[in-house]
Amino acid sequence: MPAAQPVREIRPAHELPELPYDDDALEPVISAKTLALHHGKHHKAYVDRVNELTKGTELAQLALDELVVKTANSSPHSELFNNAAQAWNHDFYWRSLTPEKGDHLSPALGALVKSGFGGLTALKDQLAQAAVKQFGSGWAWLALEGGKLKVMSTGDAENPLVTGLTPLLTIDVWEHAYYVDYQNRRPEYVRAVVETLLNWKFASANLEAAGG
């Protein structure tokens, strides 16, 4: 008799991750109303659509980051990529923010900031500039490339994963991230996030996980 085939474990559907803080924790920079709509409506819609598009396919077995890389630059999977990347980007964005005050950089991250930008103030300025100047919807990122820090922006759902870079922090500059609180004043939203909400502990942990 032929050997029995192993039973393949069925990966559970992707779920909307809980926020790492209360809805009102980021006020006054980001209101509870914005956070509830952004997380509970926009982010949830991306997750739900990923599950709809992958149900019953081999792609349903992939973790979200694997799904992003697998479907990048693939015309037949463009809708799936957009939703998977947006789901991943938003989860990363929530963790890129913190209500905790202070710039808590690990020694390793601090050294890279010093060597690459001359200091944290200059890095913050470049990150803010990338976010403000991103044309239309998109994201600004602090990423690791070849052992060095890189500030970059991406349009729509794109992210550093698709080009093999390691994301450390991100800022969402889709209008739904700030329009309730700031209307068309993107620079005001960006500067407030950069100066008061960026989670440098999270960036430091991402750097450590990447071997930096």
N, C-alpha and C. Protein backbone atom coordinates (compact mmCIF):
# COMPACT_ATOMS: atom_id res chain seq x y z
N MET A 1 0.84 -1.19 0.00
CA MET A 1 0.00 0.00 0.00
C MET A 1 0.88 1.25 0.00
N PRO A 2 0.45 2.28 -0.71
CA PRO A 2 1.25 3.51 -0.73
C PRO A 2 1.27 4.14 0.66
N ALA A 3 2.36 4.80 0.93
CA ALA A 3 2.48 5.46 2.23
C ALA A 3 1.42 6.54 2.37
N ALA A 4 0.91 6.64 3.57
CA ALA A 4 -0.11 7.65 3.83
C ALA A 4 0.50 9.05 3.70
N GLN A 5 -0.24 9.93 3.08
CA GLN A 5 0.21 11.30 2.94
C GLN A 5 -0.02 12.06 4.25
N PRO A 6 0.98 12.85 4.66
CA PRO A 6 0.77 13.62 5.88
C PRO A 6 -0.37 14.61 5.73
N VAL A 7 -1.09 14.82 6.80
CA VAL A 7 -2.19 15.79 6.78
C VAL A 7 -1.60 17.19 6.87
N ARG A 8 -1.93 18.02 5.90
CA ARG A 8 -1.41 19.38 5.91
C ARG A 8 -2.18 20.22 6.91
N GLU A 9 -1.45 20.91 7.75
CA GLU A 9 -2.10 21.80 8.69
C GLU A 9 -2.70 22.98 7.94
N ILE A 10 -3.91 23.31 8.30
CA ILE A 10 -4.59 24.43 7.67
C ILE A 10 -4.28 25.69 8.47
N ARG A 11 -3.70 26.65 7.81
CA ARG A 11 -3.36 27.90 8.49
C ARG A 11 -4.64 28.66 8.80
N PRO A 12 -4.78 29.17 10.03
CA PRO A 12 -5.98 29.96 10.34
C PRO A 12 -6.03 31.23 9.52
N ALA A 13 -7.22 31.74 9.33
CA ALA A 13 -7.38 32.98 8.58
C ALA A 13 -6.66 34.12 9.28
N HIS A 14 -6.23 35.08 8.49
CA HIS A 14 -5.58 36.26 9.06
C HIS A 14 -6.60 37.00 9.93
N GLU A 15 -6.14 37.54 11.03
CA GLU A 15 -7.01 38.27 11.94
C GLU A 15 -6.52 39.70 12.10
N LEU A 16 -7.45 40.60 12.38
CA LEU A 16 -7.09 41.97 12.66
C LEU A 16 -6.38 42.01 14.02
N PRO A 17 -5.11 42.43 14.06
CA PRO A 17 -4.41 42.47 15.34
C PRO A 17 -4.95 43.58 16.22
N GLU A 18 -4.93 43.36 17.51
CA GLU A 18 -5.36 44.40 18.43
C GLU A 18 -4.33 45.53 18.44
N LEU A 19 -4.79 46.72 18.71
CA LEU A 19 -3.87 47.84 18.87
C LEU A 19 -3.03 47.62 20.13
N PRO A 20 -1.78 48.07 20.12
CA PRO A 20 -0.93 47.90 21.30
C PRO A 20 -1.17 48.96 22.37
N TYR A 21 -2.25 49.73 22.25
CA TYR A 21 -2.59 50.78 23.21
C TYR A 21 -4.08 51.08 23.04
N ASP A 22 -4.64 51.85 23.97
CA ASP A 22 -6.05 52.24 23.89
C ASP A 22 -6.27 53.24 22.75
N ASP A 23 -7.53 53.34 22.30
CA ASP A 23 -7.86 54.25 21.19
C ASP A 23 -7.46 55.69 21.47
N ASP A 24 -7.51 56.10 22.73
CA ASP A 24 -7.22 57.50 23.05
C ASP A 24 -5.78 57.73 23.50
N ALA A 25 -4.94 56.70 23.40
CA ALA A 25 -3.58 56.78 23.95
C ALA A 25 -2.67 57.73 23.17
N LEU A 26 -2.99 57.99 21.91
CA LEU A 26 -2.12 58.83 21.09
C LEU A 26 -2.60 60.27 20.98
N GLU A 27 -3.67 60.60 21.71
CA GLU A 27 -4.15 61.98 21.70
C GLU A 27 -3.14 62.88 22.41
N PRO A 28 -3.03 64.14 22.03
CA PRO A 28 -3.84 64.86 21.03
C PRO A 28 -3.33 64.75 19.59
N VAL A 29 -2.23 64.02 19.37
CA VAL A 29 -1.67 63.95 18.01
C VAL A 29 -2.60 63.19 17.08
N ILE A 30 -3.07 62.04 17.51
CA ILE A 30 -4.02 61.24 16.74
C ILE A 30 -5.21 60.96 17.64
N SER A 31 -6.38 61.38 17.21
CA SER A 31 -7.58 61.27 18.05
C SER A 31 -8.09 59.85 18.13
N ALA A 32 -8.88 59.60 19.18
CA ALA A 32 -9.52 58.29 19.33
C ALA A 32 -10.44 58.00 18.15
N LYS A 33 -11.09 59.04 17.62
CA LYS A 33 -11.99 58.85 16.48
C LYS A 33 -11.22 58.37 15.26
N THR A 34 -10.08 59.03 14.99
CA THR A 34 -9.26 58.61 13.85
C THR A 34 -8.75 57.19 14.05
N LEU A 35 -8.27 56.88 15.24
CA LEU A 35 -7.71 55.56 15.48
C LEU A 35 -8.77 54.48 15.33
N ALA A 36 -9.98 54.74 15.85
CA ALA A 36 -11.05 53.75 15.74
C ALA A 36 -11.44 53.51 14.29
N LEU A 37 -11.54 54.58 13.51
CA LEU A 37 -11.90 54.43 12.10
C LEU A 37 -10.77 53.78 11.30
N HIS A 38 -9.56 54.23 11.55
CA HIS A 38 -8.41 53.76 10.80
C HIS A 38 -8.16 52.28 11.05
N HIS A 39 -8.18 51.90 12.31
CA HIS A 39 -7.93 50.50 12.67
C HIS A 39 -9.17 49.63 12.44
N GLY A 40 -10.28 50.06 12.96
CA GLY A 40 -11.49 49.22 12.93
C GLY A 40 -12.17 49.13 11.59
N LYS A 41 -11.97 50.09 10.71
CA LYS A 41 -12.61 50.09 9.40
C LYS A 41 -11.59 49.83 8.27
N HIS A 42 -10.62 50.72 8.12
CA HIS A 42 -9.67 50.59 7.00
C HIS A 42 -8.79 49.34 7.13
N HIS A 43 -8.13 49.20 8.27
CA HIS A 43 -7.24 48.05 8.45
C HIS A 43 -8.03 46.75 8.39
N LYS A 44 -9.17 46.72 9.04
CA LYS A 44 -9.99 45.51 9.04
C LYS A 44 -10.43 45.12 7.62
N ALA A 45 -10.75 46.12 6.81
CA ALA A 45 -11.19 45.83 5.44
C ALA A 45 -10.08 45.15 4.64
N TYR A 46 -8.84 45.57 4.84
CA TYR A 46 -7.71 44.93 4.14
C TYR A 46 -7.56 43.47 4.58
N VAL A 47 -7.62 43.25 5.88
CA VAL A 47 -7.48 41.88 6.39
C VAL A 47 -8.60 40.99 5.87
N ASP A 48 -9.82 41.48 5.92
CA ASP A 48 -10.96 40.70 5.45
C ASP A 48 -10.82 40.35 3.96
N ARG A 49 -10.35 41.31 3.17
CA ARG A 49 -10.22 41.06 1.74
C ARG A 49 -9.11 40.05 1.45
N VAL A 50 -8.03 40.10 2.21
CA VAL A 50 -6.97 39.09 2.06
C VAL A 50 -7.55 37.70 2.27
N ASN A 51 -8.34 37.53 3.30
CA ASN A 51 -8.93 36.22 3.58
C ASN A 51 -9.88 35.78 2.48
N GLU A 52 -10.63 36.72 1.91
CA GLU A 52 -11.53 36.39 0.81
C GLU A 52 -10.75 35.94 -0.43
N LEU A 53 -9.68 36.63 -0.72
CA LEU A 53 -8.92 36.35 -1.94
C LEU A 53 -8.08 35.09 -1.86
N THR A 54 -7.71 34.68 -0.65
CA THR A 54 -6.84 33.51 -0.50
C THR A 54 -7.59 32.25 -0.08
N LYS A 55 -8.85 32.38 0.28
CA LYS A 55 -9.60 31.23 0.77
C LYS A 55 -9.60 30.08 -0.24
N GLY A 56 -9.21 28.91 0.22
CA GLY A 56 -9.21 27.73 -0.63
C GLY A 56 -8.04 27.63 -1.58
N THR A 57 -7.05 28.49 -1.45
CA THR A 57 -5.87 28.46 -2.32
C THR A 57 -4.62 28.14 -1.50
N GLU A 58 -3.55 27.81 -2.21
CA GLU A 58 -2.28 27.56 -1.54
C GLU A 58 -1.75 28.81 -0.84
N LEU A 59 -2.12 29.96 -1.35
CA LEU A 59 -1.66 31.21 -0.76
C LEU A 59 -2.20 31.43 0.64
N ALA A 60 -3.28 30.73 0.96
CA ALA A 60 -3.85 30.87 2.31
C ALA A 60 -2.91 30.34 3.38
N GLN A 61 -1.92 29.55 2.97
CA GLN A 61 -0.98 28.97 3.93
C GLN A 61 0.15 29.94 4.32
N LEU A 62 0.27 31.04 3.59
CA LEU A 62 1.40 31.94 3.80
C LEU A 62 1.12 32.95 4.90
N ALA A 63 2.16 33.26 5.66
CA ALA A 63 2.08 34.37 6.60
C ALA A 63 1.98 35.66 5.80
N LEU A 64 1.55 36.72 6.46
CA LEU A 64 1.27 37.96 5.74
C LEU A 64 2.50 38.53 5.06
N ASP A 65 3.66 38.53 5.72
CA ASP A 65 4.85 39.06 5.09
C ASP A 65 5.29 38.20 3.90
N GLU A 66 5.11 36.90 4.01
CA GLU A 66 5.42 36.00 2.90
C GLU A 66 4.49 36.26 1.72
N LEU A 67 3.25 36.53 2.03
CA LEU A 67 2.25 36.80 1.00
C LEU A 67 2.59 38.09 0.25
N VAL A 68 3.04 39.08 0.98
CA VAL A 68 3.43 40.35 0.36
C VAL A 68 4.56 40.13 -0.64
N VAL A 69 5.60 39.44 -0.23
CA VAL A 69 6.74 39.19 -1.11
C VAL A 69 6.35 38.31 -2.28
N LYS A 70 5.53 37.30 -2.04
CA LYS A 70 5.13 36.36 -3.08
C LYS A 70 4.33 37.03 -4.19
N THR A 71 3.48 37.99 -3.84
CA THR A 71 2.57 38.58 -4.81
C THR A 71 3.05 39.91 -5.37
N ALA A 72 4.19 40.41 -4.90
CA ALA A 72 4.70 41.69 -5.39
C ALA A 72 5.03 41.61 -6.87
N ASN A 73 4.69 42.66 -7.59
CA ASN A 73 5.00 42.77 -9.03
C ASN A 73 4.40 41.64 -9.85
N SER A 74 3.27 41.11 -9.38
CA SER A 74 2.57 40.05 -10.09
C SER A 74 1.20 40.55 -10.52
N SER A 75 1.04 40.81 -11.79
CA SER A 75 -0.23 41.36 -12.28
C SER A 75 -1.45 40.53 -11.90
N PRO A 76 -1.37 39.18 -12.01
CA PRO A 76 -2.54 38.39 -11.63
C PRO A 76 -2.91 38.52 -10.15
N HIS A 77 -1.95 38.94 -9.34
CA HIS A 77 -2.19 39.02 -7.90
C HIS A 77 -2.15 40.46 -7.38
N SER A 78 -2.37 41.43 -8.26
CA SER A 78 -2.23 42.82 -7.86
C SER A 78 -3.21 43.20 -6.75
N GLU A 79 -4.44 42.75 -6.83
CA GLU A 79 -5.40 43.07 -5.78
C GLU A 79 -5.01 42.43 -4.46
N LEU A 80 -4.56 41.19 -4.53
CA LEU A 80 -4.14 40.50 -3.31
C LEU A 80 -2.92 41.19 -2.71
N PHE A 81 -1.96 41.56 -3.55
CA PHE A 81 -0.78 42.26 -3.04
C PHE A 81 -1.19 43.55 -2.34
N ASN A 82 -2.03 44.34 -2.98
CA ASN A 82 -2.42 45.63 -2.39
C ASN A 82 -3.05 45.45 -1.02
N ASN A 83 -3.91 44.48 -0.89
CA ASN A 83 -4.59 44.27 0.39
C ASN A 83 -3.67 43.63 1.43
N ALA A 84 -2.85 42.68 1.00
CA ALA A 84 -1.92 42.05 1.95
C ALA A 84 -0.87 43.04 2.43
N ALA A 85 -0.34 43.83 1.51
CA ALA A 85 0.67 44.82 1.90
C ALA A 85 0.07 45.89 2.80
N GLN A 86 -1.14 46.32 2.50
CA GLN A 86 -1.77 47.32 3.35
C GLN A 86 -2.08 46.74 4.74
N ALA A 87 -2.48 45.50 4.80
CA ALA A 87 -2.71 44.86 6.11
C ALA A 87 -1.40 44.79 6.89
N TRP A 88 -0.32 44.40 6.21
CA TRP A 88 0.98 44.32 6.89
C TRP A 88 1.48 45.70 7.29
N ASN A 89 1.37 46.65 6.37
CA ASN A 89 1.85 48.01 6.64
C ASN A 89 1.15 48.62 7.86
N HIS A 90 -0.15 48.42 7.95
CA HIS A 90 -0.89 49.00 9.06
C HIS A 90 -0.50 48.38 10.40
N ASP A 91 -0.34 47.08 10.43
CA ASP A 91 0.11 46.44 11.67
C ASP A 91 1.47 46.99 12.08
N PHE A 92 2.36 47.19 11.11
CA PHE A 92 3.68 47.73 11.38
C PHE A 92 3.59 49.18 11.85
N TYR A 93 2.68 49.93 11.26
CA TYR A 93 2.48 51.34 11.63
C TYR A 93 2.02 51.48 13.07
N TRP A 94 1.05 50.68 13.48
CA TRP A 94 0.57 50.79 14.88
C TRP A 94 1.72 50.56 15.85
N ARG A 95 2.58 49.62 15.53
CA ARG A 95 3.69 49.33 16.44
C ARG A 95 4.84 50.33 16.29
N SER A 96 4.82 51.11 15.22
CA SER A 96 5.80 52.17 15.04
C SER A 96 5.48 53.40 15.89
N LEU A 97 4.31 53.40 16.49
CA LEU A 97 3.87 54.51 17.33
C LEU A 97 3.77 54.07 18.78
N THR A 98 3.95 55.01 19.69
CA THR A 98 3.83 54.70 21.11
C THR A 98 3.46 55.96 21.89
N PRO A 99 2.64 55.82 22.91
CA PRO A 99 2.35 56.97 23.77
C PRO A 99 3.47 57.24 24.77
N GLU A 100 4.43 56.34 24.85
CA GLU A 100 5.54 56.50 25.79
C GLU A 100 6.44 57.66 25.35
N LYS A 101 6.76 58.53 26.28
CA LYS A 101 7.55 59.70 25.95
C LYS A 101 9.04 59.37 25.96
N GLY A 102 9.79 60.07 25.11
CA GLY A 102 11.24 59.90 25.08
C GLY A 102 11.72 59.10 23.89
N ASP A 103 12.94 59.40 23.47
CA ASP A 103 13.57 58.71 22.35
C ASP A 103 14.48 57.62 22.89
N HIS A 104 13.98 56.39 22.89
CA HIS A 104 14.69 55.28 23.51
C HIS A 104 15.35 54.43 22.43
N LEU A 105 16.54 54.81 22.03
CA LEU A 105 17.30 54.08 21.01
C LEU A 105 18.28 53.13 21.68
N SER A 106 18.40 51.94 21.13
CA SER A 106 19.43 51.03 21.61
C SER A 106 20.79 51.59 21.20
N PRO A 107 21.87 51.17 21.87
CA PRO A 107 23.21 51.62 21.46
C PRO A 107 23.50 51.33 19.99
N ALA A 108 23.06 50.17 19.52
CA ALA A 108 23.34 49.82 18.11
C ALA A 108 22.61 50.76 17.16
N LEU A 109 21.35 51.05 17.44
CA LEU A 109 20.60 51.97 16.57
C LEU A 109 21.16 53.38 16.69
N GLY A 110 21.49 53.77 17.91
CA GLY A 110 22.07 55.10 18.10
C GLY A 110 23.35 55.29 17.30
N ALA A 111 24.17 54.25 17.25
CA ALA A 111 25.43 54.33 16.49
C ALA A 111 25.16 54.49 15.00
N LEU A 112 24.18 53.76 14.48
CA LEU A 112 23.85 53.87 13.05
C LEU A 112 23.25 55.23 12.73
N VAL A 113 22.44 55.76 13.64
CA VAL A 113 21.88 57.10 13.44
C VAL A 113 23.00 58.13 13.40
N LYS A 114 23.95 57.99 14.31
CA LYS A 114 25.06 58.94 14.38
C LYS A 114 25.92 58.88 13.12
N SER A 115 26.24 57.66 12.68
CA SER A 115 27.11 57.51 11.52
C SER A 115 26.40 57.87 10.22
N GLY A 116 25.10 57.61 10.15
CA GLY A 116 24.38 57.83 8.91
C GLY A 116 23.80 59.22 8.73
N PHE A 117 23.46 59.87 9.86
CA PHE A 117 22.76 61.14 9.77
C PHE A 117 23.39 62.25 10.62
N GLY A 118 24.32 61.88 11.47
CA GLY A 118 24.93 62.87 12.34
C GLY A 118 24.21 63.04 13.66
N GLY A 119 23.01 62.50 13.75
CA GLY A 119 22.25 62.59 14.98
C GLY A 119 20.78 62.37 14.72
N LEU A 120 20.01 62.23 15.80
CA LEU A 120 18.59 61.91 15.67
C LEU A 120 17.79 63.07 15.10
N THR A 121 18.17 64.29 15.41
CA THR A 121 17.43 65.44 14.88
C THR A 121 17.46 65.46 13.37
N ALA A 122 18.62 65.21 12.78
CA ALA A 122 18.74 65.19 11.32
C ALA A 122 17.96 64.03 10.72
N LEU A 123 17.98 62.88 11.38
CA LEU A 123 17.19 61.74 10.89
C LEU A 123 15.71 62.06 10.92
N LYS A 124 15.23 62.64 12.00
CA LYS A 124 13.82 63.00 12.10
C LYS A 124 13.43 63.97 11.00
N ASP A 125 14.31 64.94 10.71
CA ASP A 125 14.02 65.90 9.64
C ASP A 125 13.89 65.20 8.30
N GLN A 126 14.78 64.26 8.00
CA GLN A 126 14.72 63.55 6.72
C GLN A 126 13.48 62.66 6.63
N LEU A 127 13.14 62.02 7.75
CA LEU A 127 11.95 61.16 7.76
C LEU A 127 10.69 61.99 7.56
N ALA A 128 10.62 63.14 8.22
CA ALA A 128 9.47 64.02 8.05
C ALA A 128 9.38 64.52 6.62
N GLN A 129 10.51 64.88 6.05
CA GLN A 129 10.53 65.37 4.67
C GLN A 129 10.05 64.29 3.70
N ALA A 130 10.49 63.07 3.91
CA ALA A 130 10.06 61.97 3.04
C ALA A 130 8.56 61.75 3.13
N ALA A 131 8.02 61.88 4.33
CA ALA A 131 6.58 61.68 4.52
C ALA A 131 5.77 62.81 3.89
N VAL A 132 6.21 64.03 4.08
CA VAL A 132 5.49 65.18 3.55
C VAL A 132 5.53 65.21 2.02
N LYS A 133 6.67 64.87 1.45
CA LYS A 133 6.85 64.98 0.00
C LYS A 133 6.34 63.77 -0.79
N GLN A 134 5.96 62.69 -0.10
CA GLN A 134 5.39 61.56 -0.82
C GLN A 134 4.14 62.02 -1.56
N PHE A 135 4.15 61.92 -2.88
CA PHE A 135 3.02 62.40 -3.67
C PHE A 135 1.86 61.42 -3.56
N GLY A 136 0.71 61.92 -3.17
CA GLY A 136 -0.46 61.06 -3.04
C GLY A 136 -0.35 60.14 -1.85
N SER A 137 -1.06 59.04 -1.90
CA SER A 137 -1.09 58.09 -0.78
C SER A 137 0.19 57.30 -0.70
N GLY A 138 0.58 56.93 0.51
CA GLY A 138 1.78 56.13 0.66
C GLY A 138 2.32 56.12 2.07
N TRP A 139 3.62 55.87 2.17
CA TRP A 139 4.27 55.64 3.45
C TRP A 139 5.68 56.21 3.44
N ALA A 140 6.15 56.63 4.59
CA ALA A 140 7.56 56.97 4.77
C ALA A 140 8.16 55.93 5.70
N TRP A 141 9.41 55.54 5.44
CA TRP A 141 10.03 54.43 6.17
C TRP A 141 11.44 54.77 6.63
N LEU A 142 11.80 54.22 7.76
CA LEU A 142 13.19 54.06 8.14
C LEU A 142 13.49 52.59 7.96
N ALA A 143 14.46 52.28 7.12
CA ALA A 143 14.76 50.88 6.79
C ALA A 143 16.25 50.62 6.92
N LEU A 144 16.58 49.35 6.92
CA LEU A 144 17.97 48.91 6.97
C LEU A 144 18.34 48.31 5.63
N GLU A 145 19.42 48.83 5.04
CA GLU A 145 19.89 48.33 3.75
C GLU A 145 21.40 48.16 3.81
N GLY A 146 21.85 46.93 3.71
CA GLY A 146 23.28 46.67 3.71
C GLY A 146 23.99 47.16 4.95
N GLY A 147 23.34 47.04 6.09
CA GLY A 147 23.95 47.46 7.34
C GLY A 147 23.89 48.95 7.62
N LYS A 148 23.22 49.72 6.75
CA LYS A 148 23.09 51.15 6.94
C LYS A 148 21.62 51.55 6.96
N LEU A 149 21.32 52.65 7.65
CA LEU A 149 19.96 53.15 7.70
C LEU A 149 19.62 53.89 6.42
N LYS A 150 18.36 53.77 6.01
CA LYS A 150 17.90 54.44 4.81
C LYS A 150 16.52 55.01 5.06
N VAL A 151 16.32 56.29 4.73
CA VAL A 151 15.00 56.91 4.76
C VAL A 151 14.44 56.84 3.35
N MET A 152 13.19 56.39 3.23
CA MET A 152 12.59 56.22 1.92
C MET A 152 11.08 56.40 2.02
N SER A 153 10.45 56.59 0.89
CA SER A 153 9.00 56.63 0.84
C SER A 153 8.52 55.68 -0.24
N THR A 154 7.30 55.19 -0.09
CA THR A 154 6.70 54.30 -1.08
C THR A 154 5.27 54.74 -1.35
N GLY A 155 4.81 54.50 -2.56
CA GLY A 155 3.45 54.87 -2.93
C GLY A 155 2.47 53.75 -2.66
N ASP A 156 1.24 54.13 -2.40
CA ASP A 156 0.13 53.19 -2.23
C ASP A 156 0.47 52.10 -1.20
N ALA A 157 0.49 50.83 -1.62
CA ALA A 157 0.71 49.73 -0.66
C ALA A 157 2.16 49.25 -0.62
N GLU A 158 3.02 49.80 -1.45
CA GLU A 158 4.40 49.31 -1.52
C GLU A 158 5.11 49.46 -0.18
N ASN A 159 6.07 48.59 0.07
CA ASN A 159 6.86 48.67 1.30
C ASN A 159 8.27 48.11 1.06
N PRO A 160 9.18 48.30 2.00
CA PRO A 160 10.57 47.86 1.79
C PRO A 160 10.75 46.35 1.65
N LEU A 161 9.80 45.56 2.11
CA LEU A 161 9.94 44.11 2.02
C LEU A 161 10.13 43.64 0.59
N VAL A 162 9.47 44.31 -0.36
CA VAL A 162 9.47 43.83 -1.74
C VAL A 162 10.82 44.06 -2.42
N THR A 163 11.66 44.91 -1.84
CA THR A 163 13.00 45.13 -2.40
C THR A 163 14.09 44.56 -1.49
N GLY A 164 13.69 43.73 -0.54
CA GLY A 164 14.66 43.05 0.29
C GLY A 164 15.23 43.86 1.43
N LEU A 165 14.64 45.01 1.73
CA LEU A 165 15.09 45.83 2.84
C LEU A 165 14.36 45.44 4.12
N THR A 166 14.92 45.83 5.25
CA THR A 166 14.31 45.56 6.55
C THR A 166 13.68 46.83 7.10
N PRO A 167 12.35 46.89 7.21
CA PRO A 167 11.71 48.07 7.78
C PRO A 167 11.97 48.17 9.28
N LEU A 168 12.22 49.39 9.74
CA LEU A 168 12.41 49.63 11.17
C LEU A 168 11.28 50.46 11.77
N LEU A 169 10.80 51.44 11.02
CA LEU A 169 9.69 52.30 11.43
C LEU A 169 8.93 52.75 10.19
N THR A 170 7.66 53.15 10.36
CA THR A 170 6.94 53.73 9.24
C THR A 170 5.98 54.80 9.71
N ILE A 171 5.62 55.70 8.79
CA ILE A 171 4.60 56.71 9.00
C ILE A 171 3.60 56.60 7.85
N ASP A 172 2.34 56.46 8.18
CA ASP A 172 1.27 56.35 7.20
C ASP A 172 0.89 57.75 6.72
N VAL A 173 0.96 58.00 5.42
CA VAL A 173 0.53 59.29 4.90
C VAL A 173 -0.61 59.15 3.89
N TRP A 174 -1.37 58.05 3.99
CA TRP A 174 -2.67 58.02 3.32
C TRP A 174 -3.56 59.04 4.03
N GLU A 175 -4.46 59.68 3.30
CA GLU A 175 -5.28 60.73 3.91
C GLU A 175 -6.12 60.23 5.07
N HIS A 176 -6.54 58.96 5.03
CA HIS A 176 -7.38 58.49 6.14
C HIS A 176 -6.62 58.41 7.45
N ALA A 177 -5.27 58.51 7.40
CA ALA A 177 -4.47 58.47 8.62
C ALA A 177 -4.55 59.79 9.39
N TYR A 178 -4.90 60.88 8.70
CA TYR A 178 -4.84 62.18 9.37
C TYR A 178 -5.96 63.16 9.04
N TYR A 179 -6.81 62.85 8.06
CA TYR A 179 -7.73 63.88 7.57
C TYR A 179 -8.78 64.30 8.59
N VAL A 180 -9.25 63.41 9.41
CA VAL A 180 -10.23 63.77 10.44
C VAL A 180 -9.66 64.82 11.39
N ASP A 181 -8.39 64.67 11.74
CA ASP A 181 -7.75 65.55 12.71
C ASP A 181 -7.07 66.77 12.09
N TYR A 182 -6.54 66.62 10.87
CA TYR A 182 -5.70 67.68 10.30
C TYR A 182 -6.19 68.18 8.94
N GLN A 183 -7.26 67.62 8.41
CA GLN A 183 -7.72 67.95 7.07
C GLN A 183 -6.54 67.81 6.08
N ASN A 184 -6.19 68.88 5.37
CA ASN A 184 -5.12 68.78 4.37
C ASN A 184 -3.75 69.18 4.92
N ARG A 185 -3.62 69.28 6.23
CA ARG A 185 -2.36 69.75 6.83
C ARG A 185 -1.44 68.56 7.14
N ARG A 186 -1.04 67.87 6.09
CA ARG A 186 -0.16 66.72 6.28
C ARG A 186 1.13 67.07 7.02
N PRO A 187 1.81 68.17 6.69
CA PRO A 187 3.05 68.48 7.40
C PRO A 187 2.86 68.59 8.92
N GLU A 188 1.74 69.13 9.35
CA GLU A 188 1.48 69.27 10.78
C GLU A 188 1.35 67.89 11.45
N TYR A 189 0.60 67.01 10.80
CA TYR A 189 0.44 65.63 11.30
C TYR A 189 1.79 64.92 11.35
N VAL A 190 2.55 65.02 10.27
CA VAL A 190 3.83 64.32 10.19
C VAL A 190 4.79 64.81 11.26
N ARG A 191 4.91 66.10 11.41
CA ARG A 191 5.85 66.64 12.40
C ARG A 191 5.46 66.22 13.81
N ALA A 192 4.17 66.21 14.10
CA ALA A 192 3.72 65.80 15.44
C ALA A 192 4.04 64.34 15.70
N VAL A 193 3.84 63.49 14.70
CA VAL A 193 4.15 62.07 14.85
C VAL A 193 5.65 61.87 15.04
N VAL A 194 6.44 62.51 14.21
CA VAL A 194 7.89 62.34 14.27
C VAL A 194 8.44 62.82 15.61
N GLU A 195 7.92 63.92 16.11
CA GLU A 195 8.48 64.50 17.33
C GLU A 195 8.00 63.83 18.61
N THR A 196 6.80 63.22 18.58
CA THR A 196 6.23 62.76 19.86
C THR A 196 5.79 61.30 19.91
N LEU A 197 5.60 60.63 18.76
CA LEU A 197 4.98 59.30 18.81
C LEU A 197 5.84 58.15 18.28
N LEU A 198 6.95 58.43 17.62
CA LEU A 198 7.71 57.32 17.03
C LEU A 198 8.28 56.40 18.11
N ASN A 199 8.15 55.11 17.84
CA ASN A 199 8.54 54.08 18.81
C ASN A 199 9.95 53.58 18.50
N TRP A 200 10.93 54.24 19.10
CA TRP A 200 12.32 53.89 18.83
C TRP A 200 12.72 52.58 19.47
N LYS A 201 12.00 52.14 20.49
CA LYS A 201 12.23 50.80 21.05
C LYS A 201 11.86 49.75 20.00
N PHE A 202 10.77 49.96 19.30
CA PHE A 202 10.36 49.05 18.25
C PHE A 202 11.39 49.02 17.12
N ALA A 203 11.88 50.19 16.72
CA ALA A 203 12.91 50.25 15.70
C ALA A 203 14.18 49.51 16.16
N SER A 204 14.54 49.70 17.41
CA SER A 204 15.72 49.03 17.93
C SER A 204 15.56 47.52 17.94
N ALA A 205 14.34 47.05 18.29
CA ALA A 205 14.08 45.61 18.29
C ALA A 205 14.14 45.04 16.89
N ASN A 206 13.63 45.79 15.90
CA ASN A 206 13.68 45.34 14.51
C ASN A 206 15.11 45.26 14.01
N LEU A 207 15.93 46.22 14.43
CA LEU A 207 17.34 46.20 14.05
C LEU A 207 18.04 44.99 14.66
N GLU A 208 17.76 44.74 15.91
CA GLU A 208 18.38 43.59 16.59
C GLU A 208 17.96 42.29 15.92
N ALA A 209 16.67 42.16 15.57
CA ALA A 209 16.18 40.95 14.92
C ALA A 209 16.83 40.72 13.57
N ALA A 210 17.25 41.82 12.94
CA ALA A 210 17.90 41.73 11.63
C ALA A 210 19.40 41.47 11.76
N GLY A 211 19.86 41.35 13.00
CA GLY A 211 21.28 41.09 13.23
C GLY A 211 22.12 42.33 13.28
N GLY A 212 21.46 43.50 13.41
CA GLY A 212 22.20 44.76 13.43
C GLY A 212 22.60 45.18 14.83
